[in-house]
Amino acid sequence: MAIRHGRNTQLLLQREATFRTAPSTPAAFLMKWTELEFGRDPQRAEDPTIQNTPLAVKKDCGDAVFGGSLKSILCLNDIGQWLTLLWGTPVTTGAGPYVHTWTLGMAARPSALLELGYINASKYPRWLGAMLNTLSWDIKEADQSISMEFLAGEEVTPEPTAAFDAAPTSYAKNRACSKGGEVYDVQGASTLGRVSKASIKIGNDFEGQNVADGKEGFGEILLGQPTIDGSVTVLFDDGTNIFDYGRDHTSKPMTLISRNDDDSASLKLVLPAVEFDEAKHKISTSKGLLVDTNWRAHADTTAPTLVLTNGISGY
């Protein structure tokens, strides 16, 4: 019996016009990824029946839910597809390079068809109504990658034996580089200190609803309270103000940037107002000291934006 290999798999993505409904015309994208765990949780019900047996009765059927996690390199071309699932369609300007801007709002988020293809086994698990709940990365990690969490509406049955799109579109690799990471409150004159780590997590706080429609899975996925938060590590020197900002509960703007090797592409998260946790004094080494604390974006008169600059004409 042939053994399946990770190298013989592929991941397709195509946004849906209607939640949990496959697009009528295949126009999928072949996405880069490094780790995936996705599937069906049957949510089986316990049977508490007492019937003079040493073991519990076999579980009964429930209403399954679908979802999972995905990790990928931070490709500054592919990321536009994921950001469109996260916050909706961007406004695109320019004529190469192109500038794509997503603005955080309360509009419903798009859903997508996701398909995992086992090419050498002709098996293509496919999910509809996939929605991106969280996206996270660290702009200074040597391994520039993103992590994502999804909810989905349903799994296509029976399992397809052919790809949804036999000729998907794929983007060239355009990976972010840790040397291109930058964090500041004022460009060129930051008061945040010299940052050595900066993690970001953007969430949609989705809540799946199992509706009474005679089908298993989420009949609707509701948008909750969007969040943007993370952590930051700063070199502890005379210019470190993170202690003061946390103690005084001072709000600061913050911009976090990821760039590729030659600075021809970048992803910029612009946050008008951020609050910091009060940092603790922590000494566990005789070497140079670092300050670690958490941050959270909060409401302001201006909405946060994500700005992606690359050679892709549109998402």
C-alpha atoms as a PDB file:
ATOM      1  CA  MET A   1       0.000   0.000   0.000  1.00  0.00           C
ATOM      2  CA  ALA A   2       1.405   3.407  -1.000  1.00  0.00           C
ATOM      3  CA  ILE A   3       2.384   5.727   1.843  1.00  0.00           C
ATOM      4  CA  ARG A   4       1.169   9.302   1.577  1.00  0.00           C
ATOM      5  CA  HIS A   5       3.756  12.059   1.895  1.00  0.00           C
ATOM      6  CA  GLY A   6       3.423  15.690   2.887  1.00  0.00           C
ATOM      7  CA  ARG A   7       5.385  16.631  -0.221  1.00  0.00           C
ATOM      8  CA  ASN A   8       2.520  15.324  -2.384  1.00  0.00           C
ATOM      9  CA  THR A   9      -0.101  17.668  -0.920  1.00  0.00           C
ATOM     10  CA  GLN A  10      -1.411  21.082  -1.885  1.00  0.00           C
ATOM     11  CA  LEU A  11      -3.739  23.714  -0.414  1.00  0.00           C
ATOM     12  CA  LEU A  12      -6.287  25.633  -2.497  1.00  0.00           C
ATOM     13  CA  LEU A  13      -8.179  28.759  -1.456  1.00  0.00           C
ATOM     14  CA  GLN A  14     -11.054  30.512  -3.191  1.00  0.00           C
ATOM     15  CA  ARG A  15     -13.361  33.060  -1.607  1.00  0.00           C
ATOM     16  CA  GLU A  16     -17.104  32.421  -1.692  1.00  0.00           C
ATOM     17  CA  ALA A  17     -19.832  34.798  -2.829  1.00  0.00           C
ATOM     18  CA  THR A  18     -22.242  33.102  -0.411  1.00  0.00           C
ATOM     19  CA  PHE A  19     -21.307  31.548   2.913  1.00  0.00           C
ATOM     20  CA  ARG A  20     -20.951  27.755   2.794  1.00  0.00           C
ATOM     21  CA  THR A  21     -21.563  27.681  -0.973  1.00  0.00           C
ATOM     22  CA  ALA A  22     -18.854  26.555  -3.394  1.00  0.00           C
ATOM     23  CA  PRO A  23     -18.024  29.120  -6.112  1.00  0.00           C
ATOM     24  CA  SER A  24     -19.705  28.279  -9.409  1.00  0.00           C
ATOM     25  CA  THR A  25     -16.502  28.898 -11.410  1.00  0.00           C
ATOM     26  CA  PRO A  26     -13.156  27.588 -10.171  1.00  0.00           C
ATOM     27  CA  ALA A  27     -10.587  30.377  -9.782  1.00  0.00           C
ATOM     28  CA  ALA A  28      -8.577  29.131  -6.832  1.00  0.00           C
ATOM     29  CA  PHE A  29      -5.170  30.130  -5.480  1.00  0.00           C
ATOM     30  CA  LEU A  30      -2.443  27.646  -4.642  1.00  0.00           C
ATOM     31  CA  MET A  31      -1.299  28.746  -1.200  1.00  0.00           C
ATOM     32  CA  LYS A  32       2.044  28.244   0.518  1.00  0.00           C
ATOM     33  CA  TRP A  33       1.915  26.443   3.866  1.00  0.00           C
ATOM     34  CA  THR A  34       4.170  24.496   6.210  1.00  0.00           C
ATOM     35  CA  GLU A  35       1.848  22.929   8.809  1.00  0.00           C
ATOM     36  CA  LEU A  36      -1.873  22.163   8.760  1.00  0.00           C
ATOM     37  CA  GLU A  37      -4.390  20.571  11.104  1.00  0.00           C
ATOM     38  CA  PHE A  38      -7.937  20.831   9.815  1.00  0.00           C
ATOM     39  CA  GLY A  39     -11.023  18.667   9.975  1.00  0.00           C
ATOM     40  CA  ARG A  40     -14.226  17.550  11.642  1.00  0.00           C
ATOM     41  CA  ASP A  41     -15.037  17.389  15.339  1.00  0.00           C
ATOM     42  CA  PRO A  42     -18.192  15.230  15.553  1.00  0.00           C
ATOM     43  CA  GLN A  43     -19.266  16.618  18.969  1.00  0.00           C
ATOM     44  CA  ARG A  44     -20.756  13.253  19.922  1.00  0.00           C
ATOM     45  CA  ALA A  45     -23.200  13.155  22.835  1.00  0.00           C
ATOM     46  CA  GLU A  46     -22.628  11.001  25.912  1.00  0.00           C
ATOM     47  CA  ASP A  47     -25.290   8.398  26.715  1.00  0.00           C
ATOM     48  CA  PRO A  48     -25.768   8.255  30.523  1.00  0.00           C
ATOM     49  CA  THR A  49     -28.126   5.275  30.346  1.00  0.00           C
ATOM     50  CA  ILE A  50     -27.688   2.855  33.270  1.00  0.00           C
ATOM     51  CA  GLN A  51     -27.997  -0.769  32.090  1.00  0.00           C
ATOM     52  CA  ASN A  52     -25.921  -2.992  34.377  1.00  0.00           C
ATOM     53  CA  THR A  53     -22.700  -2.867  32.340  1.00  0.00           C
ATOM     54  CA  PRO A  54     -19.143  -2.118  33.548  1.00  0.00           C
ATOM     55  CA  LEU A  55     -18.525   0.436  30.775  1.00  0.00           C
ATOM     56  CA  ALA A  56     -20.450   3.460  29.560  1.00  0.00           C
ATOM     57  CA  VAL A  57     -22.747   3.149  26.558  1.00  0.00           C
ATOM     58  CA  LYS A  58     -21.374   4.125  23.139  1.00  0.00           C
ATOM     59  CA  LYS A  59     -21.696   7.839  22.358  1.00  0.00           C
ATOM     60  CA  ASP A  60     -24.466   9.120  20.073  1.00  0.00           C
ATOM     61  CA  CYS A  61     -24.382  11.518  17.133  1.00  0.00           C
ATOM     62  CA  GLY A  62     -24.126  15.267  17.647  1.00  0.00           C
ATOM     63  CA  ASP A  63     -23.791  18.306  15.426  1.00  0.00           C
ATOM     64  CA  ALA A  64     -20.249  18.369  14.068  1.00  0.00           C
ATOM     65  CA  VAL A  65     -18.103  21.483  13.851  1.00  0.00           C
ATOM     66  CA  PHE A  66     -15.240  22.153  11.447  1.00  0.00           C
ATOM     67  CA  GLY A  67     -12.043  24.156  11.616  1.00  0.00           C
ATOM     68  CA  GLY A  68      -8.367  24.002  12.370  1.00  0.00           C
ATOM     69  CA  SER A  69      -5.011  25.710  12.234  1.00  0.00           C
ATOM     70  CA  LEU A  70      -2.516  26.567   9.539  1.00  0.00           C
ATOM     71  CA  LYS A  71       1.075  27.815   9.504  1.00  0.00           C
ATOM     72  CA  SER A  72       2.855  29.376   6.546  1.00  0.00           C
ATOM     73  CA  ILE A  73       5.941  31.373   5.737  1.00  0.00           C
ATOM     74  CA  LEU A  74       5.211  35.105   5.784  1.00  0.00           C
ATOM     75  CA  CYS A  75       5.018  35.540   2.016  1.00  0.00           C
ATOM     76  CA  LEU A  76       4.293  39.183   1.199  1.00  0.00           C
ATOM     77  CA  ASN A  77       2.363  38.070  -1.897  1.00  0.00           C
ATOM     78  CA  ASP A  78       0.223  35.284  -0.391  1.00  0.00           C
ATOM     79  CA  ILE A  79      -0.554  37.297   2.746  1.00  0.00           C
ATOM     80  CA  GLY A  80      -2.984  39.488   0.799  1.00  0.00           C
ATOM     81  CA  GLN A  81      -5.362  36.542   0.382  1.00  0.00           C
ATOM     82  CA  TRP A  82      -5.309  35.824   4.119  1.00  0.00           C
ATOM     83  CA  LEU A  83      -5.742  39.496   5.038  1.00  0.00           C
ATOM     84  CA  THR A  84      -8.793  39.707   2.781  1.00  0.00           C
ATOM     85  CA  LEU A  85     -10.348  36.846   4.735  1.00  0.00           C
ATOM     86  CA  LEU A  86      -9.371  38.558   7.970  1.00  0.00           C
ATOM     87  CA  TRP A  87     -10.728  42.089   7.319  1.00  0.00           C
ATOM     88  CA  GLY A  88     -12.419  42.108   3.889  1.00  0.00           C
ATOM     89  CA  THR A  89     -11.475  43.463   0.473  1.00  0.00           C
ATOM     90  CA  PRO A  90      -8.713  46.110   0.492  1.00  0.00           C
ATOM     91  CA  VAL A  91      -8.534  49.434  -1.307  1.00  0.00           C
ATOM     92  CA  THR A  92      -5.736  49.149  -3.888  1.00  0.00           C
ATOM     93  CA  THR A  93      -3.789  52.061  -5.368  1.00  0.00           C
ATOM     94  CA  GLY A  94      -0.638  52.413  -7.439  1.00  0.00           C
ATOM     95  CA  ALA A  95       0.506  50.857 -10.675  1.00  0.00           C
ATOM     96  CA  GLY A  96       3.362  48.625  -9.593  1.00  0.00           C
ATOM     97  CA  PRO A  97       4.276  48.536  -6.840  1.00  0.00           C
ATOM     98  CA  TYR A  98       0.695  48.320  -5.664  1.00  0.00           C
ATOM     99  CA  VAL A  99      -0.470  49.471  -2.245  1.00  0.00           C
ATOM    100  CA  HIS A 100      -3.313  47.483  -0.666  1.00  0.00           C
ATOM    101  CA  THR A 101      -4.966  48.980   2.430  1.00  0.00           C
ATOM    102  CA  TRP A 102      -7.285  47.141   4.821  1.00  0.00           C
ATOM    103  CA  THR A 103      -9.127  49.202   7.432  1.00  0.00           C
ATOM    104  CA  LEU A 104     -10.550  47.538  10.527  1.00  0.00           C
ATOM    105  CA  GLY A 105     -14.336  47.728  10.548  1.00  0.00           C
ATOM    106  CA  MET A 106     -17.428  45.872  11.725  1.00  0.00           C
ATOM    107  CA  ALA A 107     -18.645  44.576   8.348  1.00  0.00           C
ATOM    108  CA  ALA A 108     -19.138  40.821   7.945  1.00  0.00           C
ATOM    109  CA  ARG A 109     -15.966  38.966   6.971  1.00  0.00           C
ATOM    110  CA  PRO A 110     -15.606  36.919   3.769  1.00  0.00           C
ATOM    111  CA  SER A 111     -15.692  33.123   3.750  1.00  0.00           C
ATOM    112  CA  ALA A 112     -13.808  30.723   1.528  1.00  0.00           C
ATOM    113  CA  LEU A 113     -13.488  27.262   0.113  1.00  0.00           C
ATOM    114  CA  LEU A 114     -10.375  25.505   1.423  1.00  0.00           C
ATOM    115  CA  GLU A 115      -9.169  22.257  -0.111  1.00  0.00           C
ATOM    116  CA  LEU A 116      -6.347  19.961   0.971  1.00  0.00           C
ATOM    117  CA  GLY A 117      -5.191  17.819  -1.934  1.00  0.00           C
ATOM    118  CA  TYR A 118      -3.484  14.429  -1.545  1.00  0.00           C
ATOM    119  CA  ILE A 119      -2.271  14.444  -5.131  1.00  0.00           C
ATOM    120  CA  ASN A 120      -0.841  10.914  -5.329  1.00  0.00           C
ATOM    121  CA  ALA A 121      -3.959   9.412  -3.731  1.00  0.00           C
ATOM    122  CA  SER A 122      -6.645  11.382  -5.640  1.00  0.00           C
ATOM    123  CA  LYS A 123      -8.251  12.522  -2.389  1.00  0.00           C
ATOM    124  CA  TYR A 124      -9.244  16.152  -1.869  1.00  0.00           C
ATOM    125  CA  PRO A 125     -10.824  16.975   1.517  1.00  0.00           C
ATOM    126  CA  ARG A 126     -12.746  20.190   0.970  1.00  0.00           C
ATOM    127  CA  TRP A 127     -14.348  22.632   3.402  1.00  0.00           C
ATOM    128  CA  LEU A 128     -16.848  25.392   2.723  1.00  0.00           C
ATOM    129  CA  GLY A 129     -17.541  28.527   4.735  1.00  0.00           C
ATOM    130  CA  ALA A 130     -13.970  28.718   6.062  1.00  0.00           C
ATOM    131  CA  MET A 131     -13.384  31.958   7.995  1.00  0.00           C
ATOM    132  CA  LEU A 132     -10.117  33.266   9.419  1.00  0.00           C
ATOM    133  CA  ASN A 133     -10.477  33.828  13.147  1.00  0.00           C
ATOM    134  CA  THR A 134      -6.918  34.761  14.175  1.00  0.00           C
ATOM    135  CA  LEU A 135      -3.675  35.691  12.428  1.00  0.00           C
ATOM    136  CA  SER A 136      -0.401  36.084  14.324  1.00  0.00           C
ATOM    137  CA  TRP A 137       3.299  36.621  13.675  1.00  0.00           C
ATOM    138  CA  ASP A 138       6.480  38.121  15.204  1.00  0.00           C
ATOM    139  CA  ILE A 139       8.255  40.679  13.068  1.00  0.00           C
ATOM    140  CA  LYS A 140      11.713  39.929  14.536  1.00  0.00           C
ATOM    141  CA  GLU A 141      11.706  36.123  14.598  1.00  0.00           C
ATOM    142  CA  ALA A 142      14.389  34.612  12.380  1.00  0.00           C
ATOM    143  CA  ASP A 143      11.732  32.250  11.008  1.00  0.00           C
ATOM    144  CA  GLN A 144       9.348  34.751   9.435  1.00  0.00           C
ATOM    145  CA  SER A 145       6.080  32.806   9.512  1.00  0.00           C
ATOM    146  CA  ILE A 146       2.400  33.339  10.275  1.00  0.00           C
ATOM    147  CA  SER A 147      -0.016  31.210  12.291  1.00  0.00           C
ATOM    148  CA  MET A 148      -3.761  31.122  11.631  1.00  0.00           C
ATOM    149  CA  GLU A 149      -6.884  29.663  13.254  1.00  0.00           C
ATOM    150  CA  PHE A 150     -10.073  28.952  11.275  1.00  0.00           C
ATOM    151  CA  LEU A 151     -13.715  28.058  11.722  1.00  0.00           C
ATOM    152  CA  ALA A 152     -15.590  26.458   8.830  1.00  0.00           C
ATOM    153  CA  GLY A 153     -19.200  25.747   7.919  1.00  0.00           C
ATOM    154  CA  GLU A 154     -19.099  22.238   6.502  1.00  0.00           C
ATOM    155  CA  GLU A 155     -17.075  19.499   4.882  1.00  0.00           C
ATOM    156  CA  VAL A 156     -17.975  18.380   1.362  1.00  0.00           C
ATOM    157  CA  THR A 157     -19.192  14.768   1.240  1.00  0.00           C
ATOM    158  CA  PRO A 158     -18.526  12.374  -0.302  1.00  0.00           C
ATOM    159  CA  GLU A 159     -14.850  13.315  -0.347  1.00  0.00           C
ATOM    160  CA  PRO A 160     -13.935  14.696  -3.788  1.00  0.00           C
ATOM    161  CA  THR A 161     -11.533  12.665  -5.933  1.00  0.00           C
ATOM    162  CA  ALA A 162     -10.412  15.575  -8.144  1.00  0.00           C
ATOM    163  CA  ALA A 163      -9.127  19.048  -7.364  1.00  0.00           C
ATOM    164  CA  PHE A 164     -11.660  21.880  -7.295  1.00  0.00           C
ATOM    165  CA  ASP A 165      -9.408  23.788  -9.697  1.00  0.00           C
ATOM    166  CA  ALA A 166      -6.960  21.887 -11.903  1.00  0.00           C
ATOM    167  CA  ALA A 167      -5.050  25.063 -12.809  1.00  0.00           C
ATOM    168  CA  PRO A 168      -4.947  27.346  -9.743  1.00  0.00           C
ATOM    169  CA  THR A 169      -3.097  30.656  -9.634  1.00  0.00           C
ATOM    170  CA  SER A 170       0.094  30.748  -7.572  1.00  0.00           C
ATOM    171  CA  TYR A 171       2.176  33.711  -6.450  1.00  0.00           C
ATOM    172  CA  ALA A 172       5.975  33.830  -6.520  1.00  0.00           C
ATOM    173  CA  LYS A 173       7.650  33.550  -3.120  1.00  0.00           C
ATOM    174  CA  ASN A 174       8.258  36.950  -1.528  1.00  0.00           C
ATOM    175  CA  ARG A 175       9.206  36.164   2.062  1.00  0.00           C
ATOM    176  CA  ALA A 176       9.591  38.710   4.817  1.00  0.00           C
ATOM    177  CA  CYS A 177      13.045  38.957   6.370  1.00  0.00           C
ATOM    178  CA  SER A 178      13.640  39.547  10.083  1.00  0.00           C
ATOM    179  CA  LYS A 179      16.197  42.284   9.350  1.00  0.00           C
ATOM    180  CA  GLY A 180      13.363  44.334   7.820  1.00  0.00           C
ATOM    181  CA  GLY A 181      11.311  44.420  11.025  1.00  0.00           C
ATOM    182  CA  GLU A 182      10.653  47.837  12.514  1.00  0.00           C
ATOM    183  CA  VAL A 183       8.584  49.167  15.430  1.00  0.00           C
ATOM    184  CA  TYR A 184       8.030  52.805  16.345  1.00  0.00           C
ATOM    185  CA  ASP A 185       5.594  55.374  17.683  1.00  0.00           C
ATOM    186  CA  VAL A 186       7.280  58.221  15.787  1.00  0.00           C
ATOM    187  CA  GLN A 187       9.176  57.281  12.648  1.00  0.00           C
ATOM    188  CA  GLY A 188      12.839  58.163  13.010  1.00  0.00           C
ATOM    189  CA  ALA A 189      12.409  59.311  16.616  1.00  0.00           C
ATOM    190  CA  SER A 190      10.627  56.501  18.462  1.00  0.00           C
ATOM    191  CA  THR A 191      10.136  56.744  22.224  1.00  0.00           C
ATOM    192  CA  LEU A 192       9.248  53.039  22.546  1.00  0.00           C
ATOM    193  CA  GLY A 193      12.884  52.006  22.936  1.00  0.00           C
ATOM    194  CA  ARG A 194      15.011  49.567  20.960  1.00  0.00           C
ATOM    195  CA  VAL A 195      12.745  46.610  20.206  1.00  0.00           C
ATOM    196  CA  SER A 196      14.190  43.096  19.865  1.00  0.00           C
ATOM    197  CA  LYS A 197      10.893  41.173  19.671  1.00  0.00           C
ATOM    198  CA  ALA A 198       7.376  42.211  18.717  1.00  0.00           C
ATOM    199  CA  SER A 199       4.529  39.739  18.386  1.00  0.00           C
ATOM    200  CA  ILE A 200       1.164  40.544  16.816  1.00  0.00           C
ATOM    201  CA  LYS A 201      -2.154  38.700  17.073  1.00  0.00           C
ATOM    202  CA  ILE A 202      -5.226  39.937  15.212  1.00  0.00           C
ATOM    203  CA  GLY A 203      -8.550  38.281  16.044  1.00  0.00           C
ATOM    204  CA  ASN A 204     -12.151  38.380  14.873  1.00  0.00           C
ATOM    205  CA  ASP A 205     -13.651  36.645  17.935  1.00  0.00           C
ATOM    206  CA  PHE A 206     -15.920  34.511  15.728  1.00  0.00           C
ATOM    207  CA  GLU A 207     -18.760  32.502  17.243  1.00  0.00           C
ATOM    208  CA  GLY A 208     -20.086  29.565  15.236  1.00  0.00           C
ATOM    209  CA  GLN A 209     -23.813  28.872  15.371  1.00  0.00           C
ATOM    210  CA  ASN A 210     -25.280  25.399  14.796  1.00  0.00           C
ATOM    211  CA  VAL A 211     -28.637  26.415  13.341  1.00  0.00           C
ATOM    212  CA  ALA A 212     -31.705  24.203  12.914  1.00  0.00           C
ATOM    213  CA  ASP A 213     -31.351  23.623   9.170  1.00  0.00           C
ATOM    214  CA  GLY A 214     -31.096  19.845   9.021  1.00  0.00           C
ATOM    215  CA  LYS A 215     -27.371  20.010   8.245  1.00  0.00           C
ATOM    216  CA  GLU A 216     -24.338  19.419  10.428  1.00  0.00           C
ATOM    217  CA  GLY A 217     -21.828  22.164  11.006  1.00  0.00           C
ATOM    218  CA  PHE A 218     -22.063  25.888  11.557  1.00  0.00           C
ATOM    219  CA  GLY A 219     -24.985  27.427   9.694  1.00  0.00           C
ATOM    220  CA  GLU A 220     -23.616  30.864  10.517  1.00  0.00           C
ATOM    221  CA  ILE A 221     -20.390  32.291  11.938  1.00  0.00           C
ATOM    222  CA  LEU A 222     -20.919  35.561  13.791  1.00  0.00           C
ATOM    223  CA  LEU A 223     -18.343  38.333  14.121  1.00  0.00           C
ATOM    224  CA  GLY A 224     -17.538  39.198  17.733  1.00  0.00           C
ATOM    225  CA  GLN A 225     -15.282  41.897  19.189  1.00  0.00           C
ATOM    226  CA  PRO A 226     -12.195  42.263  16.960  1.00  0.00           C
ATOM    227  CA  THR A 227      -8.891  42.476  18.810  1.00  0.00           C
ATOM    228  CA  ILE A 228      -5.293  43.447  18.060  1.00  0.00           C
ATOM    229  CA  ASP A 229      -2.687  42.715  20.707  1.00  0.00           C
ATOM    230  CA  GLY A 230       0.707  41.200  21.306  1.00  0.00           C
ATOM    231  CA  SER A 231       3.919  41.471  23.274  1.00  0.00           C
ATOM    232  CA  VAL A 232       7.086  43.506  22.958  1.00  0.00           C
ATOM    233  CA  THR A 233      10.639  43.079  24.249  1.00  0.00           C
ATOM    234  CA  VAL A 234      12.804  46.177  24.585  1.00  0.00           C
ATOM    235  CA  LEU A 235      16.499  46.598  25.443  1.00  0.00           C
ATOM    236  CA  PHE A 236      16.658  48.078  28.960  1.00  0.00           C
ATOM    237  CA  ASP A 237      18.627  51.287  28.573  1.00  0.00           C
ATOM    238  CA  ASP A 238      18.268  54.951  29.505  1.00  0.00           C
ATOM    239  CA  GLY A 239      15.869  55.486  26.612  1.00  0.00           C
ATOM    240  CA  THR A 240      13.370  52.853  27.764  1.00  0.00           C
ATOM    241  CA  ASN A 241       9.962  54.427  28.426  1.00  0.00           C
ATOM    242  CA  ILE A 242       7.833  51.256  28.419  1.00  0.00           C
ATOM    243  CA  PHE A 243       7.831  51.217  32.255  1.00  0.00           C
ATOM    244  CA  ASP A 244       6.400  54.741  32.345  1.00  0.00           C
ATOM    245  CA  TYR A 245       3.811  54.119  29.634  1.00  0.00           C
ATOM    246  CA  GLY A 246       2.481  51.078  31.456  1.00  0.00           C
ATOM    247  CA  ARG A 247       2.492  52.604  34.934  1.00  0.00           C
ATOM    248  CA  ASP A 248       0.916  55.884  33.797  1.00  0.00           C
ATOM    249  CA  HIS A 249      -1.481  54.096  31.430  1.00  0.00           C
ATOM    250  CA  THR A 250      -0.285  56.318  28.593  1.00  0.00           C
ATOM    251  CA  SER A 251      -1.651  55.535  25.133  1.00  0.00           C
ATOM    252  CA  LYS A 252       0.802  55.646  22.244  1.00  0.00           C
ATOM    253  CA  PRO A 253       0.499  55.148  18.482  1.00  0.00           C
ATOM    254  CA  MET A 254       2.463  52.168  17.206  1.00  0.00           C
ATOM    255  CA  THR A 255       3.507  51.041  13.737  1.00  0.00           C
ATOM    256  CA  LEU A 256       4.925  47.555  13.121  1.00  0.00           C
ATOM    257  CA  ILE A 257       6.522  46.714   9.768  1.00  0.00           C
ATOM    258  CA  SER A 258       7.701  43.512   8.069  1.00  0.00           C
ATOM    259  CA  ARG A 259       9.795  43.802   4.889  1.00  0.00           C
ATOM    260  CA  ASN A 260      11.390  41.464   2.380  1.00  0.00           C
ATOM    261  CA  ASP A 261      15.135  41.289   1.787  1.00  0.00           C
ATOM    262  CA  ASP A 262      15.444  44.154  -0.724  1.00  0.00           C
ATOM    263  CA  ASP A 263      12.650  46.345   0.718  1.00  0.00           C
ATOM    264  CA  SER A 264      10.560  46.026  -2.448  1.00  0.00           C
ATOM    265  CA  ALA A 265       7.597  44.651  -0.482  1.00  0.00           C
ATOM    266  CA  SER A 266       6.316  45.315   3.027  1.00  0.00           C
ATOM    267  CA  LEU A 267       3.439  44.764   5.440  1.00  0.00           C
ATOM    268  CA  LYS A 268       2.684  47.647   7.804  1.00  0.00           C
ATOM    269  CA  LEU A 269       0.266  47.522  10.748  1.00  0.00           C
ATOM    270  CA  VAL A 270      -0.653  51.077  11.814  1.00  0.00           C
ATOM    271  CA  LEU A 271      -2.250  51.391  15.249  1.00  0.00           C
ATOM    272  CA  PRO A 272      -3.404  54.880  16.305  1.00  0.00           C
ATOM    273  CA  ALA A 273      -3.708  53.999  20.005  1.00  0.00           C
ATOM    274  CA  VAL A 274      -2.031  51.257  22.047  1.00  0.00           C
ATOM    275  CA  GLU A 275      -1.963  50.677  25.810  1.00  0.00           C
ATOM    276  CA  PHE A 276       0.810  48.738  27.559  1.00  0.00           C
ATOM    277  CA  ASP A 277       0.704  46.464  30.588  1.00  0.00           C
ATOM    278  CA  GLU A 278       2.824  47.705  33.463  1.00  0.00           C
ATOM    279  CA  ALA A 279       6.177  45.945  33.071  1.00  0.00           C
ATOM    280  CA  LYS A 280       7.795  44.086  35.972  1.00  0.00           C
ATOM    281  CA  HIS A 281      11.417  44.431  36.989  1.00  0.00           C
ATOM    282  CA  LYS A 282      12.943  41.045  36.198  1.00  0.00           C
ATOM    283  CA  ILE A 283      16.628  40.172  36.598  1.00  0.00           C
ATOM    284  CA  SER A 284      17.769  36.592  36.003  1.00  0.00           C
ATOM    285  CA  THR A 285      21.114  37.143  34.312  1.00  0.00           C
ATOM    286  CA  SER A 286      24.347  39.074  34.772  1.00  0.00           C
ATOM    287  CA  LYS A 287      24.177  40.085  31.107  1.00  0.00           C
ATOM    288  CA  GLY A 288      22.309  42.972  29.502  1.00  0.00           C
ATOM    289  CA  LEU A 289      18.714  43.332  30.623  1.00  0.00           C
ATOM    290  CA  LEU A 290      15.489  43.227  28.605  1.00  0.00           C
ATOM    291  CA  VAL A 291      12.000  44.475  29.376  1.00  0.00           C
ATOM    292  CA  ASP A 292       8.986  42.348  28.378  1.00  0.00           C
ATOM    293  CA  THR A 293       5.407  43.544  28.391  1.00  0.00           C
ATOM    294  CA  ASN A 294       2.104  43.094  26.578  1.00  0.00           C
ATOM    295  CA  TRP A 295       0.252  45.644  24.496  1.00  0.00           C
ATOM    296  CA  ARG A 296      -3.299  46.045  23.217  1.00  0.00           C
ATOM    297  CA  ALA A 297      -4.767  48.353  20.589  1.00  0.00           C
ATOM    298  CA  HIS A 298      -7.840  50.213  21.805  1.00  0.00           C
ATOM    299  CA  ALA A 299     -10.587  52.368  20.291  1.00  0.00           C
ATOM    300  CA  ASP A 300      -9.602  55.731  18.848  1.00  0.00           C
ATOM    301  CA  THR A 301     -11.034  58.269  16.395  1.00  0.00           C
ATOM    302  CA  THR A 302      -8.935  56.660  13.644  1.00  0.00           C
ATOM    303  CA  ALA A 303      -9.241  52.965  12.775  1.00  0.00           C
ATOM    304  CA  PRO A 304      -6.215  50.646  12.556  1.00  0.00           C
ATOM    305  CA  THR A 305      -4.995  49.752   9.082  1.00  0.00           C
ATOM    306  CA  LEU A 306      -2.926  47.056   7.414  1.00  0.00           C
ATOM    307  CA  VAL A 307      -0.937  48.301   4.408  1.00  0.00           C
ATOM    308  CA  LEU A 308       0.633  45.775   2.049  1.00  0.00           C
ATOM    309  CA  THR A 309       2.981  46.931  -0.698  1.00  0.00           C
ATOM    310  CA  ASN A 310       3.972  44.410  -3.396  1.00  0.00           C
ATOM    311  CA  GLY A 311       3.739  43.600  -7.102  1.00  0.00           C
ATOM    312  CA  ILE A 312       0.268  41.985  -7.014  1.00  0.00           C
ATOM    313  CA  SER A 313      -2.319  44.104  -8.832  1.00  0.00           C
ATOM    314  CA  GLY A 314      -5.254  43.229  -6.596  1.00  0.00           C
ATOM    315  CA  TYR A 315      -6.909  40.888  -4.144  1.00  0.00           C
END
